């Protein structure tokens, strides 16, 4: 969640991950701060995976008229 209590979007999480990665790659943070950033990054990755999984399920349901179908399957129409 963001500081204002709103759930972060996938895009927000990816942007924050880019910032975290840049800080870690620069090597200009102490070990304790690096660990904090790493921990935050792992949280963003896990939440982003959850967002993507839920989105994939929605797409599968929409494409299959209520029956679950594999995502990225045949291009039959």
PDB file of N, CA and C in Angstrom:
ATOM      1  N   UNK A   1       0.831  -1.178   0.000  1.00  0.00           N
ATOM      2  CA  UNK A   1       0.000   0.000   0.000  1.00  0.00           C
ATOM      3  C   UNK A   1       0.876   1.242   0.000  1.00  0.00           C
ATOM      4  N   UNK A   2       0.309   2.302  -0.512  1.00  0.00           N
ATOM      5  CA  UNK A   2       1.039   3.553  -0.534  1.00  0.00           C
ATOM      6  C   UNK A   2       0.877   4.261   0.809  1.00  0.00           C
ATOM      7  N   UNK A   3       1.565   5.380   0.961  1.00  0.00           N
ATOM      8  CA  UNK A   3       1.507   6.122   2.213  1.00  0.00           C
ATOM      9  C   UNK A   3       0.116   6.660   2.504  1.00  0.00           C
ATOM     10  N   UNK A   4      -0.693   6.898   1.455  1.00  0.00           N
ATOM     11  CA  UNK A   4      -2.040   7.424   1.670  1.00  0.00           C
ATOM     12  C   UNK A   4      -3.068   6.305   1.847  1.00  0.00           C
ATOM     13  N   UNK A   5      -2.610   5.051   1.961  1.00  0.00           N
ATOM     14  CA  UNK A   5      -3.503   3.932   2.241  1.00  0.00           C
ATOM     15  C   UNK A   5      -4.127   3.297   1.008  1.00  0.00           C
ATOM     16  N   UNK A   6      -3.818   3.797  -0.191  1.00  0.00           N
ATOM     17  CA  UNK A   6      -4.361   3.232  -1.421  1.00  0.00           C
ATOM     18  C   UNK A   6      -3.473   2.089  -1.897  1.00  0.00           C
ATOM     19  N   UNK A   7      -4.108   1.070  -2.481  1.00  0.00           N
ATOM     20  CA  UNK A   7      -3.363  -0.055  -3.041  1.00  0.00           C
ATOM     21  C   UNK A   7      -2.569   0.429  -4.259  1.00  0.00           C
ATOM     22  N   UNK A   8      -1.300   0.061  -4.326  1.00  0.00           N
ATOM     23  CA  UNK A   8      -0.466   0.448  -5.461  1.00  0.00           C
ATOM     24  C   UNK A   8      -0.847  -0.351  -6.699  1.00  0.00           C
ATOM     25  N   UNK A   9      -0.782   0.297  -7.847  1.00  0.00           N
ATOM     26  CA  UNK A   9      -1.051  -0.386  -9.104  1.00  0.00           C
ATOM     27  C   UNK A   9       0.189  -1.177  -9.522  1.00  0.00           C
ATOM     28  N   UNK A  10       0.010  -2.023 -10.501  1.00  0.00           N
ATOM     29  CA  UNK A  10       1.138  -2.774 -11.048  1.00  0.00           C
ATOM     30  C   UNK A  10       2.207  -1.811 -11.562  1.00  0.00           C
ATOM     31  N   UNK A  11       1.764  -0.777 -12.258  1.00  0.00           N
ATOM     32  CA  UNK A  11       2.704   0.199 -12.805  1.00  0.00           C
ATOM     33  C   UNK A  11       3.480   0.907 -11.699  1.00  0.00           C
ATOM     34  N   UNK A  12       2.776   1.273 -10.604  1.00  0.00           N
ATOM     35  CA  UNK A  12       3.441   1.910  -9.465  1.00  0.00           C
ATOM     36  C   UNK A  12       4.498   0.990  -8.876  1.00  0.00           C
ATOM     37  N   UNK A  13       4.154  -0.281  -8.749  1.00  0.00           N
ATOM     38  CA  UNK A  13       5.088  -1.250  -8.176  1.00  0.00           C
ATOM     39  C   UNK A  13       6.314  -1.425  -9.073  1.00  0.00           C
ATOM     40  N   UNK A  14       6.105  -1.488 -10.387  1.00  0.00           N
ATOM     41  CA  UNK A  14       7.232  -1.638 -11.308  1.00  0.00           C
ATOM     42  C   UNK A  14       8.140  -0.419 -11.275  1.00  0.00           C
ATOM     43  N   UNK A  15       7.551   0.770 -11.186  1.00  0.00           N
ATOM     44  CA  UNK A  15       8.362   1.987 -11.092  1.00  0.00           C
ATOM     45  C   UNK A  15       9.195   1.993  -9.813  1.00  0.00           C
ATOM     46  N   UNK A  16       8.574   1.604  -8.707  1.00  0.00           N
ATOM     47  CA  UNK A  16       9.303   1.570  -7.437  1.00  0.00           C
ATOM     48  C   UNK A  16      10.421   0.530  -7.488  1.00  0.00           C
ATOM     49  N   UNK A  17      10.152  -0.612  -8.128  1.00  0.00           N
ATOM     50  CA  UNK A  17      11.196  -1.633  -8.268  1.00  0.00           C
ATOM     51  C   UNK A  17      12.379  -1.105  -9.065  1.00  0.00           C
ATOM     52  N   UNK A  18      12.121  -0.301 -10.087  1.00  0.00           N
ATOM     53  CA  UNK A  18      13.211   0.286 -10.865  1.00  0.00           C
ATOM     54  C   UNK A  18      14.061   1.214 -10.006  1.00  0.00           C
ATOM     55  N   UNK A  19      13.406   2.002  -9.157  1.00  0.00           N
ATOM     56  CA  UNK A  19      14.138   2.906  -8.260  1.00  0.00           C
ATOM     57  C   UNK A  19      14.985   2.102  -7.273  1.00  0.00           C
ATOM     58  N   UNK A  20      14.375   1.078  -6.686  1.00  0.00           N
ATOM     59  CA  UNK A  20      15.090   0.229  -5.727  1.00  0.00           C
ATOM     60  C   UNK A  20      16.293  -0.422  -6.395  1.00  0.00           C
ATOM     61  N   UNK A  21      16.102  -0.971  -7.570  1.00  0.00           N
ATOM     62  CA  UNK A  21      17.189  -1.627  -8.284  1.00  0.00           C
ATOM     63  C   UNK A  21      18.316  -0.642  -8.575  1.00  0.00           C
ATOM     64  N   UNK A  22      17.957   0.556  -8.990  1.00  0.00           N
ATOM     65  CA  UNK A  22      18.973   1.575  -9.258  1.00  0.00           C
ATOM     66  C   UNK A  22      19.791   1.902  -8.024  1.00  0.00           C
ATOM     67  N   UNK A  23      19.126   2.007  -6.884  1.00  0.00           N
ATOM     68  CA  UNK A  23      19.835   2.315  -5.644  1.00  0.00           C
ATOM     69  C   UNK A  23      20.747   1.162  -5.234  1.00  0.00           C
ATOM     70  N   UNK A  24      20.257  -0.063  -5.381  1.00  0.00           N
ATOM     71  CA  UNK A  24      21.073  -1.214  -5.009  1.00  0.00           C
ATOM     72  C   UNK A  24      22.259  -1.387  -5.956  1.00  0.00           C
ATOM     73  N   UNK A  25      22.034  -1.178  -7.251  1.00  0.00           N
ATOM     74  CA  UNK A  25      23.123  -1.325  -8.217  1.00  0.00           C
ATOM     75  C   UNK A  25      24.187  -0.256  -8.043  1.00  0.00           C
ATOM     76  N   UNK A  26      23.785   0.938  -7.604  1.00  0.00           N
ATOM     77  CA  UNK A  26      24.748   2.023  -7.410  1.00  0.00           C
ATOM     78  C   UNK A  26      25.712   1.706  -6.273  1.00  0.00           C
ATOM     79  N   UNK A  27      25.258   0.870  -5.338  1.00  0.00           N
ATOM     80  CA  UNK A  27      26.134   0.453  -4.251  1.00  0.00           C
ATOM     81  C   UNK A  27      26.450   1.549  -3.260  1.00  0.00           C
ATOM     82  N   UNK A  28      25.640   2.587  -3.232  1.00  0.00           N
ATOM     83  CA  UNK A  28      25.919   3.722  -2.353  1.00  0.00           C
ATOM     84  C   UNK A  28      25.073   3.713  -1.088  1.00  0.00           C
ATOM     85  N   UNK A  29      24.455   2.584  -0.765  1.00  0.00           N
ATOM     86  CA  UNK A  29      23.669   2.488   0.460  1.00  0.00           C
ATOM     87  C   UNK A  29      24.365   1.511   1.401  1.00  0.00           C
ATOM     88  N   UNK A  30      24.197   1.750   2.700  1.00  0.00           N
ATOM     89  CA  UNK A  30      24.820   0.834   3.650  1.00  0.00           C
ATOM     90  C   UNK A  30      24.050  -0.487   3.676  1.00  0.00           C
ATOM     91  N   UNK A  31      24.631  -1.460   4.334  1.00  0.00           N
ATOM     92  CA  UNK A  31      24.067  -2.808   4.340  1.00  0.00           C
ATOM     93  C   UNK A  31      22.652  -2.844   4.898  1.00  0.00           C
ATOM     94  N   UNK A  32      22.405  -2.126   5.976  1.00  0.00           N
ATOM     95  CA  UNK A  32      21.075  -2.125   6.591  1.00  0.00           C
ATOM     96  C   UNK A  32      20.031  -1.545   5.635  1.00  0.00           C
ATOM     97  N   UNK A  33      20.370  -0.439   4.979  1.00  0.00           N
ATOM     98  CA  UNK A  33      19.444   0.176   4.021  1.00  0.00           C
ATOM     99  C   UNK A  33      19.256  -0.734   2.813  1.00  0.00           C
ATOM    100  N   UNK A  34      20.311  -1.397   2.368  1.00  0.00           N
ATOM    101  CA  UNK A  34      20.209  -2.321   1.237  1.00  0.00           C
ATOM    102  C   UNK A  34      19.247  -3.458   1.566  1.00  0.00           C
ATOM    103  N   UNK A  35      19.320  -3.965   2.789  1.00  0.00           N
ATOM    104  CA  UNK A  35      18.419  -5.030   3.208  1.00  0.00           C
ATOM    105  C   UNK A  35      16.971  -4.541   3.240  1.00  0.00           C
ATOM    106  N   UNK A  36      16.745  -3.325   3.731  1.00  0.00           N
ATOM    107  CA  UNK A  36      15.403  -2.740   3.751  1.00  0.00           C
ATOM    108  C   UNK A  36      14.852  -2.607   2.328  1.00  0.00           C
ATOM    109  N   UNK A  37      15.684  -2.116   1.424  1.00  0.00           N
ATOM    110  CA  UNK A  37      15.262  -1.957   0.030  1.00  0.00           C
ATOM    111  C   UNK A  37      14.961  -3.311  -0.607  1.00  0.00           C
ATOM    112  N   UNK A  38      15.819  -4.287  -0.340  1.00  0.00           N
ATOM    113  CA  UNK A  38      15.606  -5.631  -0.877  1.00  0.00           C
ATOM    114  C   UNK A  38      14.280  -6.199  -0.381  1.00  0.00           C
ATOM    115  N   UNK A  39      14.026  -6.057   0.916  1.00  0.00           N
ATOM    116  CA  UNK A  39      12.785  -6.551   1.504  1.00  0.00           C
ATOM    117  C   UNK A  39      11.568  -5.857   0.874  1.00  0.00           C
ATOM    118  N   UNK A  40      11.653  -4.556   0.701  1.00  0.00           N
ATOM    119  CA  UNK A  40      10.561  -3.829   0.051  1.00  0.00           C
ATOM    120  C   UNK A  40      10.360  -4.332  -1.380  1.00  0.00           C
ATOM    121  N   UNK A  41      11.459  -4.533  -2.083  1.00  0.00           N
ATOM    122  CA  UNK A  41      11.382  -5.016  -3.458  1.00  0.00           C
ATOM    123  C   UNK A  41      10.725  -6.376  -3.570  1.00  0.00           C
ATOM    124  N   UNK A  42      11.076  -7.282  -2.659  1.00  0.00           N
ATOM    125  CA  UNK A  42      10.467  -8.614  -2.659  1.00  0.00           C
ATOM    126  C   UNK A  42       8.960  -8.503  -2.453  1.00  0.00           C
ATOM    127  N   UNK A  43       8.540  -7.611  -1.567  1.00  0.00           N
ATOM    128  CA  UNK A  43       7.110  -7.393  -1.346  1.00  0.00           C
ATOM    129  C   UNK A  43       6.410  -6.897  -2.604  1.00  0.00           C
ATOM    130  N   UNK A  44       7.050  -5.980  -3.311  1.00  0.00           N
ATOM    131  CA  UNK A  44       6.461  -5.468  -4.553  1.00  0.00           C
ATOM    132  C   UNK A  44       6.370  -6.562  -5.611  1.00  0.00           C
ATOM    133  N   UNK A  45       7.389  -7.386  -5.710  1.00  0.00           N
ATOM    134  CA  UNK A  45       7.372  -8.482  -6.686  1.00  0.00           C
ATOM    135  C   UNK A  45       6.240  -9.452  -6.381  1.00  0.00           C
ATOM    136  N   UNK A  46       6.098  -9.823  -5.126  1.00  0.00           N
ATOM    137  CA  UNK A  46       5.035 -10.765  -4.742  1.00  0.00           C
ATOM    138  C   UNK A  46       3.648 -10.181  -5.022  1.00  0.00           C
ATOM    139  N   UNK A  47       3.465  -8.915  -4.686  1.00  0.00           N
ATOM    140  CA  UNK A  47       2.174  -8.284  -4.952  1.00  0.00           C
ATOM    141  C   UNK A  47       1.913  -8.148  -6.451  1.00  0.00           C
ATOM    142  N   UNK A  48       2.956  -7.842  -7.218  1.00  0.00           N
ATOM    143  CA  UNK A  48       2.803  -7.732  -8.666  1.00  0.00           C
ATOM    144  C   UNK A  48       2.423  -9.083  -9.266  1.00  0.00           C
ATOM    145  N   UNK A  49       3.029 -10.156  -8.771  1.00  0.00           N
ATOM    146  CA  UNK A  49       2.665 -11.500  -9.243  1.00  0.00           C
ATOM    147  C   UNK A  49       1.202 -11.793  -8.952  1.00  0.00           C
ATOM    148  N   UNK A  50       0.724 -11.382  -7.781  1.00  0.00           N
ATOM    149  CA  UNK A  50      -0.678 -11.578  -7.437  1.00  0.00           C
ATOM    150  C   UNK A  50      -1.607 -10.807  -8.358  1.00  0.00           C
ATOM    151  N   UNK A  51      -1.242  -9.572  -8.669  1.00  0.00           N
ATOM    152  CA  UNK A  51      -2.035  -8.758  -9.584  1.00  0.00           C
ATOM    153  C   UNK A  51      -2.098  -9.427 -10.954  1.00  0.00           C
ATOM    154  N   UNK A  52      -0.961  -9.889 -11.435  1.00  0.00           N
ATOM    155  CA  UNK A  52      -0.917 -10.540 -12.746  1.00  0.00           C
ATOM    156  C   UNK A  52      -1.717 -11.841 -12.757  1.00  0.00           C
ATOM    157  N   UNK A  53      -1.650 -12.609 -11.696  1.00  0.00           N
ATOM    158  CA  UNK A  53      -2.418 -13.860 -11.617  1.00  0.00           C
ATOM    159  C   UNK A  53      -3.912 -13.590 -11.649  1.00  0.00           C
ATOM    160  N   UNK A  54      -4.360 -12.597 -10.864  1.00  0.00           N
ATOM    161  CA  UNK A  54      -5.787 -12.260 -10.856  1.00  0.00           C
ATOM    162  C   UNK A  54      -6.241 -11.747 -12.224  1.00  0.00           C
ATOM    163  N   UNK A  55      -5.396 -10.969 -12.864  1.00  0.00           N
ATOM    164  CA  UNK A  55      -5.730 -10.445 -14.192  1.00  0.00           C
ATOM    165  C   UNK A  55      -5.803 -11.571 -15.206  1.00  0.00           C
ATOM    166  N   UNK A  56      -4.880 -12.502 -15.142  1.00  0.00           N
ATOM    167  CA  UNK A  56      -4.887 -13.649 -16.048  1.00  0.00           C
ATOM    168  C   UNK A  56      -6.174 -14.454 -15.882  1.00  0.00           C
ATOM    169  N   UNK A  57      -6.585 -14.684 -14.644  1.00  0.00           N
ATOM    170  CA  UNK A  57      -7.822 -15.425 -14.401  1.00  0.00           C
ATOM    171  C   UNK A  57      -9.037 -14.700 -14.974  1.00  0.00           C
ATOM    172  N   UNK A  58      -9.072 -13.383 -14.814  1.00  0.00           N
ATOM    173  CA  UNK A  58     -10.191 -12.609 -15.363  1.00  0.00           C
ATOM    174  C   UNK A  58     -10.240 -12.731 -16.883  1.00  0.00           C
ATOM    175  N   UNK A  59      -9.082 -12.626 -17.517  1.00  0.00           N
ATOM    176  CA  UNK A  59      -9.023 -12.723 -18.977  1.00  0.00           C
ATOM    177  C   UNK A  59      -9.475 -14.109 -19.422  1.00  0.00           C
ATOM    178  N   UNK A  60      -9.006 -15.145 -18.732  1.00  0.00           N
ATOM    179  CA  UNK A  60      -9.418 -16.506 -19.078  1.00  0.00           C
ATOM    180  C   UNK A  60     -10.926 -16.665 -18.968  1.00  0.00           C
ATOM    181  N   UNK A  61     -11.514 -16.130 -17.911  1.00  0.00           N
ATOM    182  CA  UNK A  61     -12.957 -16.233 -17.722  1.00  0.00           C
ATOM    183  C   UNK A  61     -13.719 -15.461 -18.797  1.00  0.00           C
ATOM    184  N   UNK A  62     -13.244 -14.284 -19.135  1.00  0.00           N
ATOM    185  CA  UNK A  62     -13.910 -13.479 -20.157  1.00  0.00           C
ATOM    186  C   UNK A  62     -13.853 -14.144 -21.534  1.00  0.00           C
ATOM    187  N   UNK A  63     -12.738 -14.762 -21.834  1.00  0.00           N
ATOM    188  CA  UNK A  63     -12.571 -15.385 -23.150  1.00  0.00           C
ATOM    189  C   UNK A  63     -13.296 -16.719 -23.267  1.00  0.00           C
ATOM    190  N   UNK A  64     -13.622 -17.316 -22.138  1.00  0.00           N
ATOM    191  CA  UNK A  64     -14.227 -18.645 -22.194  1.00  0.00           C
ATOM    192  C   UNK A  64     -15.706 -18.657 -21.825  1.00  0.00           C
ATOM    193  N   UNK A  65     -16.344 -17.518 -21.713  1.00  0.00           N
ATOM    194  CA  UNK A  65     -17.764 -17.423 -21.353  1.00  0.00           C
ATOM    195  C   UNK A  65     -18.078 -18.181 -20.071  1.00  0.00           C
ATOM    196  N   UNK A  66     -17.243 -17.994 -19.062  1.00  0.00           N
ATOM    197  CA  UNK A  66     -17.497 -18.613 -17.773  1.00  0.00           C
ATOM    198  C   UNK A  66     -16.758 -19.900 -17.537  1.00  0.00           C
ATOM    199  N   UNK A  67     -16.263 -20.539 -18.580  1.00  0.00           N
ATOM    200  CA  UNK A  67     -15.475 -21.758 -18.417  1.00  0.00           C
ATOM    201  C   UNK A  67     -14.003 -21.377 -18.503  1.00  0.00           C
ATOM    202  N   UNK A  68     -13.229 -21.872 -17.571  1.00  0.00           N
ATOM    203  CA  UNK A  68     -11.811 -21.532 -17.555  1.00  0.00           C
ATOM    204  C   UNK A  68     -11.117 -22.166 -18.755  1.00  0.00           C
ATOM    205  N   UNK A  69     -10.358 -21.330 -19.479  1.00  0.00           N
ATOM    206  CA  UNK A  69      -9.579 -21.785 -20.626  1.00  0.00           C
ATOM    207  C   UNK A  69      -8.140 -21.340 -20.416  1.00  0.00           C
ATOM    208  N   UNK A  70      -7.183 -22.055 -20.951  1.00  0.00           N
ATOM    209  CA  UNK A  70      -5.780 -21.670 -20.779  1.00  0.00           C
ATOM    210  C   UNK A  70      -5.526 -20.282 -21.361  1.00  0.00           C
ATOM    211  N   UNK A  71      -4.733 -19.497 -20.662  1.00  0.00           N
ATOM    212  CA  UNK A  71      -4.366 -18.170 -21.125  1.00  0.00           C
ATOM    213  C   UNK A  71      -3.338 -18.300 -22.241  1.00  0.00           C
ATOM    214  N   UNK A  72      -3.501 -17.499 -23.309  1.00  0.00           N
ATOM    215  CA  UNK A  72      -2.542 -17.518 -24.407  1.00  0.00           C
ATOM    216  C   UNK A  72      -2.685 -18.727 -25.302  1.00  0.00           C
ATOM    217  N   UNK A  73      -3.877 -19.282 -25.326  1.00  0.00           N
ATOM    218  CA  UNK A  73      -4.118 -20.483 -26.121  1.00  0.00           C
ATOM    219  C   UNK A  73      -4.270 -20.188 -27.593  1.00  0.00           C
ATOM    220  N   UNK A  74      -5.067 -21.002 -28.269  1.00  0.00           N
ATOM    221  CA  UNK A  74      -5.271 -20.883 -29.716  1.00  0.00           C
ATOM    222  C   UNK A  74      -5.880 -19.552 -30.076  1.00  0.00           C
ATOM    223  N   UNK A  75      -5.602 -19.091 -31.294  1.00  0.00           N
ATOM    224  CA  UNK A  75      -6.131 -17.826 -31.778  1.00  0.00           C
ATOM    225  C   UNK A  75      -7.382 -18.042 -32.611  1.00  0.00           C
ATOM    226  N   UNK A  76      -8.185 -19.013 -32.281  1.00  0.00           N
ATOM    227  CA  UNK A  76      -9.395 -19.306 -33.040  1.00  0.00           C
ATOM    228  C   UNK A  76     -10.484 -18.308 -32.707  1.00  0.00           C
ATOM    229  N   UNK A  77     -11.179 -17.852 -33.747  1.00  0.00           N
ATOM    230  CA  UNK A  77     -12.304 -16.939 -33.552  1.00  0.00           C
ATOM    231  C   UNK A  77     -13.399 -17.283 -34.492  1.00  0.00           C
TER     232      UNK A  77
END
